[in-house]
Amino acid sequence: MQLLDTPTVIADKVRELLRPIIRPIPSASADRFEEQWDGVESQLIQWEQHPEELEDEGLEPPNQETFPLIHDVCRALREMCVDPPMRLVPNCEGGAVLEWRTPPVLWSIEVERDGTLELSVFR
């Protein structure tokens, strides 16, 4: 039995996770959607600075270990020239979900509190 090497760096995990649905664009610029990605980062910073806002809505905010993971996933997606997510929402378990709608597909990446990344694709 051959075991697959599991990537240990978040950027490599994201690349491997998205390989079936995203094709790299050699000429694409990582700054193409700079303003929108900055908005996603600002939302994460807002959650970090004011977790009580999520708690007031009955949601468990990401913890101090999860925030760096979410930032790393966003950075990796941005460097891969992936369009910014349509939305970023907490996942009710101390993680976050980034969602995209690219007709005819709706897809998301969930960042779990334990560092697990989960890709969901709906056609």
N, C-alpha and C. Protein backbone atom coordinates (compact mmCIF):
# COMPACT_ATOMS: atom_id res chain seq x y z
N MET A 1 0.85 -1.17 0.00
CA MET A 1 0.00 0.00 0.00
C MET A 1 0.89 1.22 0.00
N GLN A 2 0.57 2.15 -0.87
CA GLN A 2 1.33 3.39 -0.95
C GLN A 2 0.57 4.48 -0.22
N LEU A 3 1.23 5.16 0.69
CA LEU A 3 0.62 6.25 1.41
C LEU A 3 0.90 7.56 0.69
N LEU A 4 -0.09 8.42 0.66
CA LEU A 4 0.09 9.73 0.05
C LEU A 4 0.76 10.66 1.04
N ASP A 5 1.66 11.48 0.55
CA ASP A 5 2.27 12.48 1.41
C ASP A 5 1.24 13.56 1.68
N THR A 6 1.04 13.86 2.95
CA THR A 6 0.11 14.92 3.33
C THR A 6 0.87 16.22 3.42
N PRO A 7 0.41 17.26 2.69
CA PRO A 7 1.09 18.55 2.79
C PRO A 7 1.01 19.08 4.21
N THR A 8 2.07 19.74 4.64
CA THR A 8 2.09 20.28 5.99
C THR A 8 1.94 21.80 6.01
N VAL A 9 2.16 22.45 4.90
CA VAL A 9 2.04 23.90 4.80
C VAL A 9 0.63 24.23 4.30
N ILE A 10 -0.02 25.21 4.92
CA ILE A 10 -1.39 25.55 4.56
C ILE A 10 -1.53 25.83 3.06
N ALA A 11 -0.61 26.59 2.49
CA ALA A 11 -0.70 26.92 1.05
C ALA A 11 -0.71 25.64 0.21
N ASP A 12 0.11 24.67 0.57
CA ASP A 12 0.14 23.40 -0.17
C ASP A 12 -1.15 22.62 0.03
N LYS A 13 -1.70 22.67 1.25
CA LYS A 13 -2.98 21.99 1.51
C LYS A 13 -4.08 22.60 0.66
N VAL A 14 -4.12 23.92 0.57
CA VAL A 14 -5.15 24.60 -0.21
C VAL A 14 -5.00 24.26 -1.69
N ARG A 15 -3.78 24.30 -2.19
CA ARG A 15 -3.53 23.96 -3.59
C ARG A 15 -3.99 22.53 -3.90
N GLU A 16 -3.65 21.61 -3.03
CA GLU A 16 -4.04 20.21 -3.23
C GLU A 16 -5.56 20.04 -3.14
N LEU A 17 -6.17 20.73 -2.20
CA LEU A 17 -7.62 20.66 -2.02
C LEU A 17 -8.36 21.16 -3.26
N LEU A 18 -7.86 22.25 -3.84
CA LEU A 18 -8.57 22.87 -4.97
C LEU A 18 -8.17 22.32 -6.34
N ARG A 19 -7.18 21.46 -6.38
CA ARG A 19 -6.69 20.94 -7.66
C ARG A 19 -7.80 20.42 -8.58
N PRO A 20 -8.83 19.73 -8.06
CA PRO A 20 -9.87 19.23 -8.97
C PRO A 20 -10.75 20.32 -9.59
N ILE A 21 -10.82 21.50 -8.97
CA ILE A 21 -11.76 22.50 -9.49
C ILE A 21 -11.12 23.79 -9.98
N ILE A 22 -9.89 24.08 -9.58
CA ILE A 22 -9.23 25.33 -9.96
C ILE A 22 -8.01 25.02 -10.81
N ARG A 23 -7.92 25.68 -11.92
CA ARG A 23 -6.73 25.57 -12.76
C ARG A 23 -5.93 26.85 -12.64
N PRO A 24 -4.64 26.76 -12.36
CA PRO A 24 -3.84 27.98 -12.22
C PRO A 24 -3.82 28.77 -13.53
N ILE A 25 -3.86 30.08 -13.39
CA ILE A 25 -3.80 30.96 -14.55
C ILE A 25 -2.43 31.62 -14.53
N PRO A 26 -1.52 31.21 -15.45
CA PRO A 26 -0.13 31.68 -15.40
C PRO A 26 0.02 33.19 -15.45
N SER A 27 -0.83 33.87 -16.20
CA SER A 27 -0.65 35.31 -16.35
C SER A 27 -1.47 36.12 -15.34
N ALA A 28 -2.20 35.44 -14.47
CA ALA A 28 -3.06 36.16 -13.53
C ALA A 28 -2.23 36.87 -12.47
N SER A 29 -2.74 37.99 -12.04
CA SER A 29 -2.06 38.79 -11.02
C SER A 29 -2.74 38.57 -9.67
N ALA A 30 -1.94 38.37 -8.64
CA ALA A 30 -2.49 38.18 -7.30
C ALA A 30 -3.17 39.45 -6.80
N ASP A 31 -2.87 40.58 -7.40
CA ASP A 31 -3.46 41.85 -6.97
C ASP A 31 -4.74 42.20 -7.72
N ARG A 32 -5.19 41.29 -8.58
CA ARG A 32 -6.34 41.55 -9.44
C ARG A 32 -7.58 41.92 -8.62
N PHE A 33 -7.77 41.28 -7.49
CA PHE A 33 -8.93 41.54 -6.65
C PHE A 33 -8.49 42.03 -5.27
N GLU A 34 -7.48 42.86 -5.26
CA GLU A 34 -6.87 43.31 -4.02
C GLU A 34 -7.89 43.91 -3.05
N GLU A 35 -8.75 44.77 -3.55
CA GLU A 35 -9.71 45.45 -2.68
C GLU A 35 -10.69 44.47 -2.03
N GLN A 36 -11.18 43.50 -2.82
CA GLN A 36 -12.12 42.53 -2.27
C GLN A 36 -11.45 41.61 -1.25
N TRP A 37 -10.22 41.16 -1.55
CA TRP A 37 -9.50 40.32 -0.59
C TRP A 37 -9.19 41.12 0.68
N ASP A 38 -8.88 42.40 0.54
CA ASP A 38 -8.64 43.25 1.72
C ASP A 38 -9.91 43.31 2.58
N GLY A 39 -11.07 43.31 1.92
CA GLY A 39 -12.34 43.31 2.66
C GLY A 39 -12.53 42.04 3.47
N VAL A 40 -12.14 40.91 2.90
CA VAL A 40 -12.22 39.62 3.62
C VAL A 40 -11.29 39.67 4.84
N GLU A 41 -10.08 40.14 4.63
CA GLU A 41 -9.12 40.25 5.74
C GLU A 41 -9.64 41.20 6.82
N SER A 42 -10.26 42.30 6.40
CA SER A 42 -10.83 43.25 7.37
C SER A 42 -11.93 42.60 8.20
N GLN A 43 -12.74 41.77 7.56
CA GLN A 43 -13.81 41.07 8.29
C GLN A 43 -13.20 40.12 9.33
N LEU A 44 -12.15 39.42 8.95
CA LEU A 44 -11.48 38.52 9.90
C LEU A 44 -10.92 39.30 11.09
N ILE A 45 -10.30 40.43 10.81
CA ILE A 45 -9.74 41.26 11.87
C ILE A 45 -10.85 41.76 12.79
N GLN A 46 -11.99 42.13 12.21
CA GLN A 46 -13.14 42.57 13.00
C GLN A 46 -13.60 41.46 13.94
N TRP A 47 -13.67 40.23 13.43
CA TRP A 47 -14.04 39.08 14.27
C TRP A 47 -13.03 38.89 15.40
N GLU A 48 -11.74 39.02 15.09
CA GLU A 48 -10.70 38.84 16.10
C GLU A 48 -10.81 39.89 17.20
N GLN A 49 -11.05 41.13 16.80
CA GLN A 49 -11.08 42.22 17.76
C GLN A 49 -12.38 42.30 18.55
N HIS A 50 -13.47 41.78 17.95
CA HIS A 50 -14.78 41.87 18.59
C HIS A 50 -15.53 40.54 18.51
N PRO A 51 -15.00 39.49 19.14
CA PRO A 51 -15.67 38.19 19.07
C PRO A 51 -17.06 38.20 19.71
N GLU A 52 -17.29 39.16 20.60
CA GLU A 52 -18.59 39.24 21.26
C GLU A 52 -19.73 39.51 20.27
N GLU A 53 -19.41 40.13 19.14
CA GLU A 53 -20.45 40.38 18.13
C GLU A 53 -20.99 39.06 17.58
N LEU A 54 -20.11 38.09 17.36
CA LEU A 54 -20.55 36.78 16.90
C LEU A 54 -21.29 36.05 18.01
N GLU A 55 -20.78 36.17 19.24
CA GLU A 55 -21.43 35.52 20.38
C GLU A 55 -22.83 36.06 20.59
N ASP A 56 -23.03 37.37 20.36
CA ASP A 56 -24.35 37.98 20.51
C ASP A 56 -25.34 37.39 19.51
N GLU A 57 -24.83 36.89 18.39
CA GLU A 57 -25.68 36.27 17.38
C GLU A 57 -25.84 34.76 17.63
N GLY A 58 -25.29 34.28 18.75
CA GLY A 58 -25.39 32.87 19.08
C GLY A 58 -24.38 31.99 18.37
N LEU A 59 -23.31 32.60 17.83
CA LEU A 59 -22.29 31.86 17.11
C LEU A 59 -21.01 31.78 17.92
N GLU A 60 -20.35 30.65 17.84
CA GLU A 60 -19.06 30.51 18.51
C GLU A 60 -17.99 31.09 17.61
N PRO A 61 -17.30 32.14 18.04
CA PRO A 61 -16.28 32.74 17.18
C PRO A 61 -15.06 31.84 17.07
N PRO A 62 -14.30 31.98 15.98
CA PRO A 62 -13.03 31.26 15.89
C PRO A 62 -12.15 31.64 17.08
N ASN A 63 -11.30 30.71 17.51
CA ASN A 63 -10.43 31.00 18.64
C ASN A 63 -9.07 31.49 18.14
N GLN A 64 -8.17 31.77 19.06
CA GLN A 64 -6.87 32.34 18.70
C GLN A 64 -6.00 31.38 17.89
N GLU A 65 -6.26 30.08 17.97
CA GLU A 65 -5.52 29.13 17.15
C GLU A 65 -6.09 29.04 15.73
N THR A 66 -7.39 29.29 15.60
CA THR A 66 -8.07 29.15 14.31
C THR A 66 -7.86 30.37 13.42
N PHE A 67 -7.81 31.55 13.99
CA PHE A 67 -7.64 32.76 13.18
C PHE A 67 -6.42 32.71 12.28
N PRO A 68 -5.25 32.31 12.78
CA PRO A 68 -4.09 32.23 11.88
C PRO A 68 -4.31 31.26 10.72
N LEU A 69 -5.02 30.16 10.97
CA LEU A 69 -5.31 29.20 9.90
C LEU A 69 -6.18 29.83 8.82
N ILE A 70 -7.21 30.56 9.25
CA ILE A 70 -8.11 31.20 8.30
C ILE A 70 -7.35 32.24 7.49
N HIS A 71 -6.50 33.03 8.15
CA HIS A 71 -5.67 34.01 7.44
C HIS A 71 -4.76 33.32 6.43
N ASP A 72 -4.15 32.19 6.83
CA ASP A 72 -3.25 31.46 5.92
C ASP A 72 -4.00 30.93 4.71
N VAL A 73 -5.21 30.42 4.91
CA VAL A 73 -6.01 29.92 3.79
C VAL A 73 -6.33 31.07 2.84
N CYS A 74 -6.75 32.20 3.38
CA CYS A 74 -7.06 33.37 2.54
C CYS A 74 -5.83 33.82 1.76
N ARG A 75 -4.69 33.87 2.43
CA ARG A 75 -3.44 34.28 1.77
C ARG A 75 -3.09 33.31 0.63
N ALA A 76 -3.24 32.02 0.87
CA ALA A 76 -2.93 31.02 -0.16
C ALA A 76 -3.88 31.16 -1.35
N LEU A 77 -5.16 31.38 -1.08
CA LEU A 77 -6.13 31.55 -2.17
C LEU A 77 -5.81 32.80 -2.98
N ARG A 78 -5.47 33.85 -2.28
CA ARG A 78 -5.12 35.12 -2.94
C ARG A 78 -3.89 34.94 -3.83
N GLU A 79 -2.87 34.24 -3.33
CA GLU A 79 -1.66 34.01 -4.11
C GLU A 79 -1.90 33.10 -5.29
N MET A 80 -2.93 32.24 -5.20
CA MET A 80 -3.30 31.36 -6.32
C MET A 80 -4.17 32.10 -7.34
N CYS A 81 -4.45 33.38 -7.08
CA CYS A 81 -5.28 34.22 -7.95
C CYS A 81 -6.72 33.72 -8.03
N VAL A 82 -7.20 33.12 -6.93
CA VAL A 82 -8.59 32.71 -6.85
C VAL A 82 -9.42 33.96 -6.56
N ASP A 83 -10.55 34.08 -7.23
CA ASP A 83 -11.44 35.20 -6.96
C ASP A 83 -11.79 35.23 -5.47
N PRO A 84 -12.02 36.41 -4.90
CA PRO A 84 -12.41 36.50 -3.50
C PRO A 84 -13.73 35.77 -3.27
N PRO A 85 -13.95 35.25 -2.08
CA PRO A 85 -15.21 34.56 -1.82
C PRO A 85 -16.38 35.52 -1.86
N MET A 86 -17.53 34.96 -2.20
CA MET A 86 -18.77 35.72 -2.19
C MET A 86 -19.09 36.16 -0.76
N ARG A 87 -18.79 35.26 0.18
CA ARG A 87 -19.00 35.61 1.59
C ARG A 87 -18.13 34.75 2.48
N LEU A 88 -17.92 35.25 3.68
CA LEU A 88 -17.17 34.58 4.74
C LEU A 88 -18.09 34.56 5.95
N VAL A 89 -18.35 33.35 6.47
CA VAL A 89 -19.26 33.22 7.60
C VAL A 89 -18.66 32.28 8.64
N PRO A 90 -19.00 32.49 9.93
CA PRO A 90 -18.56 31.54 10.95
C PRO A 90 -19.31 30.22 10.74
N ASN A 91 -18.70 29.11 11.15
CA ASN A 91 -19.35 27.82 10.92
C ASN A 91 -20.06 27.25 12.15
N CYS A 92 -20.26 28.02 13.18
CA CYS A 92 -20.96 27.63 14.40
C CYS A 92 -20.15 26.68 15.28
N GLU A 93 -18.95 26.30 14.85
CA GLU A 93 -18.11 25.39 15.63
C GLU A 93 -16.73 25.99 15.85
N GLY A 94 -16.63 27.30 15.80
CA GLY A 94 -15.35 27.96 16.04
C GLY A 94 -14.45 28.02 14.83
N GLY A 95 -14.99 27.82 13.66
CA GLY A 95 -14.23 27.92 12.41
C GLY A 95 -14.89 28.91 11.48
N ALA A 96 -14.62 28.78 10.19
CA ALA A 96 -15.20 29.70 9.22
C ALA A 96 -15.40 28.99 7.89
N VAL A 97 -16.32 29.53 7.09
CA VAL A 97 -16.61 29.00 5.76
C VAL A 97 -16.47 30.13 4.76
N LEU A 98 -15.70 29.88 3.71
CA LEU A 98 -15.59 30.82 2.59
C LEU A 98 -16.41 30.23 1.45
N GLU A 99 -17.28 31.04 0.82
CA GLU A 99 -18.18 30.53 -0.21
C GLU A 99 -18.02 31.28 -1.52
N TRP A 100 -18.13 30.51 -2.61
CA TRP A 100 -18.08 31.07 -3.96
C TRP A 100 -19.27 30.55 -4.76
N ARG A 101 -19.73 31.35 -5.69
CA ARG A 101 -20.75 30.93 -6.63
C ARG A 101 -20.19 31.18 -8.02
N THR A 102 -19.84 30.11 -8.70
CA THR A 102 -19.33 30.19 -10.06
C THR A 102 -20.24 29.31 -10.91
N PRO A 103 -21.35 29.89 -11.42
CA PRO A 103 -22.34 29.07 -12.11
C PRO A 103 -21.69 28.12 -13.11
N PRO A 104 -22.13 26.90 -13.11
CA PRO A 104 -23.26 26.30 -12.38
C PRO A 104 -22.87 25.68 -11.05
N VAL A 105 -21.79 26.14 -10.46
CA VAL A 105 -21.26 25.51 -9.24
C VAL A 105 -21.28 26.48 -8.06
N LEU A 106 -21.67 25.96 -6.91
CA LEU A 106 -21.52 26.65 -5.63
C LEU A 106 -20.50 25.82 -4.87
N TRP A 107 -19.45 26.46 -4.39
CA TRP A 107 -18.42 25.71 -3.66
C TRP A 107 -17.96 26.50 -2.45
N SER A 108 -17.43 25.74 -1.49
CA SER A 108 -16.99 26.39 -0.25
C SER A 108 -15.78 25.65 0.32
N ILE A 109 -15.03 26.38 1.11
CA ILE A 109 -13.95 25.81 1.89
C ILE A 109 -14.26 26.11 3.35
N GLU A 110 -14.31 25.06 4.14
CA GLU A 110 -14.55 25.22 5.57
C GLU A 110 -13.24 25.00 6.31
N VAL A 111 -12.91 25.95 7.16
CA VAL A 111 -11.71 25.85 8.00
C VAL A 111 -12.21 25.49 9.40
N GLU A 112 -11.89 24.26 9.81
CA GLU A 112 -12.34 23.77 11.11
C GLU A 112 -11.37 24.22 12.20
N ARG A 113 -11.85 24.23 13.40
CA ARG A 113 -11.05 24.63 14.56
C ARG A 113 -9.78 23.79 14.70
N ASP A 114 -9.85 22.52 14.30
CA ASP A 114 -8.69 21.64 14.44
C ASP A 114 -7.71 21.73 13.27
N GLY A 115 -7.97 22.66 12.34
CA GLY A 115 -7.08 22.84 11.20
C GLY A 115 -7.49 22.05 9.97
N THR A 116 -8.55 21.29 10.05
CA THR A 116 -9.04 20.54 8.91
C THR A 116 -9.63 21.51 7.89
N LEU A 117 -9.35 21.24 6.62
CA LEU A 117 -9.93 22.01 5.52
C LEU A 117 -10.87 21.08 4.78
N GLU A 118 -12.09 21.56 4.51
CA GLU A 118 -13.07 20.74 3.82
C GLU A 118 -13.60 21.49 2.62
N LEU A 119 -13.53 20.87 1.46
CA LEU A 119 -14.05 21.44 0.22
C LEU A 119 -15.41 20.82 -0.06
N SER A 120 -16.41 21.66 -0.33
CA SER A 120 -17.73 21.18 -0.74
C SER A 120 -18.05 21.82 -2.08
N VAL A 121 -18.52 21.00 -3.01
CA VAL A 121 -18.89 21.48 -4.34
C VAL A 121 -20.31 21.01 -4.64
N PHE A 122 -21.16 21.97 -5.02
CA PHE A 122 -22.56 21.65 -5.35
C PHE A 122 -22.81 22.10 -6.79
N ARG A 123 -23.37 21.20 -7.57
CA ARG A 123 -23.70 21.52 -8.97
C ARG A 123 -25.18 21.69 -9.12
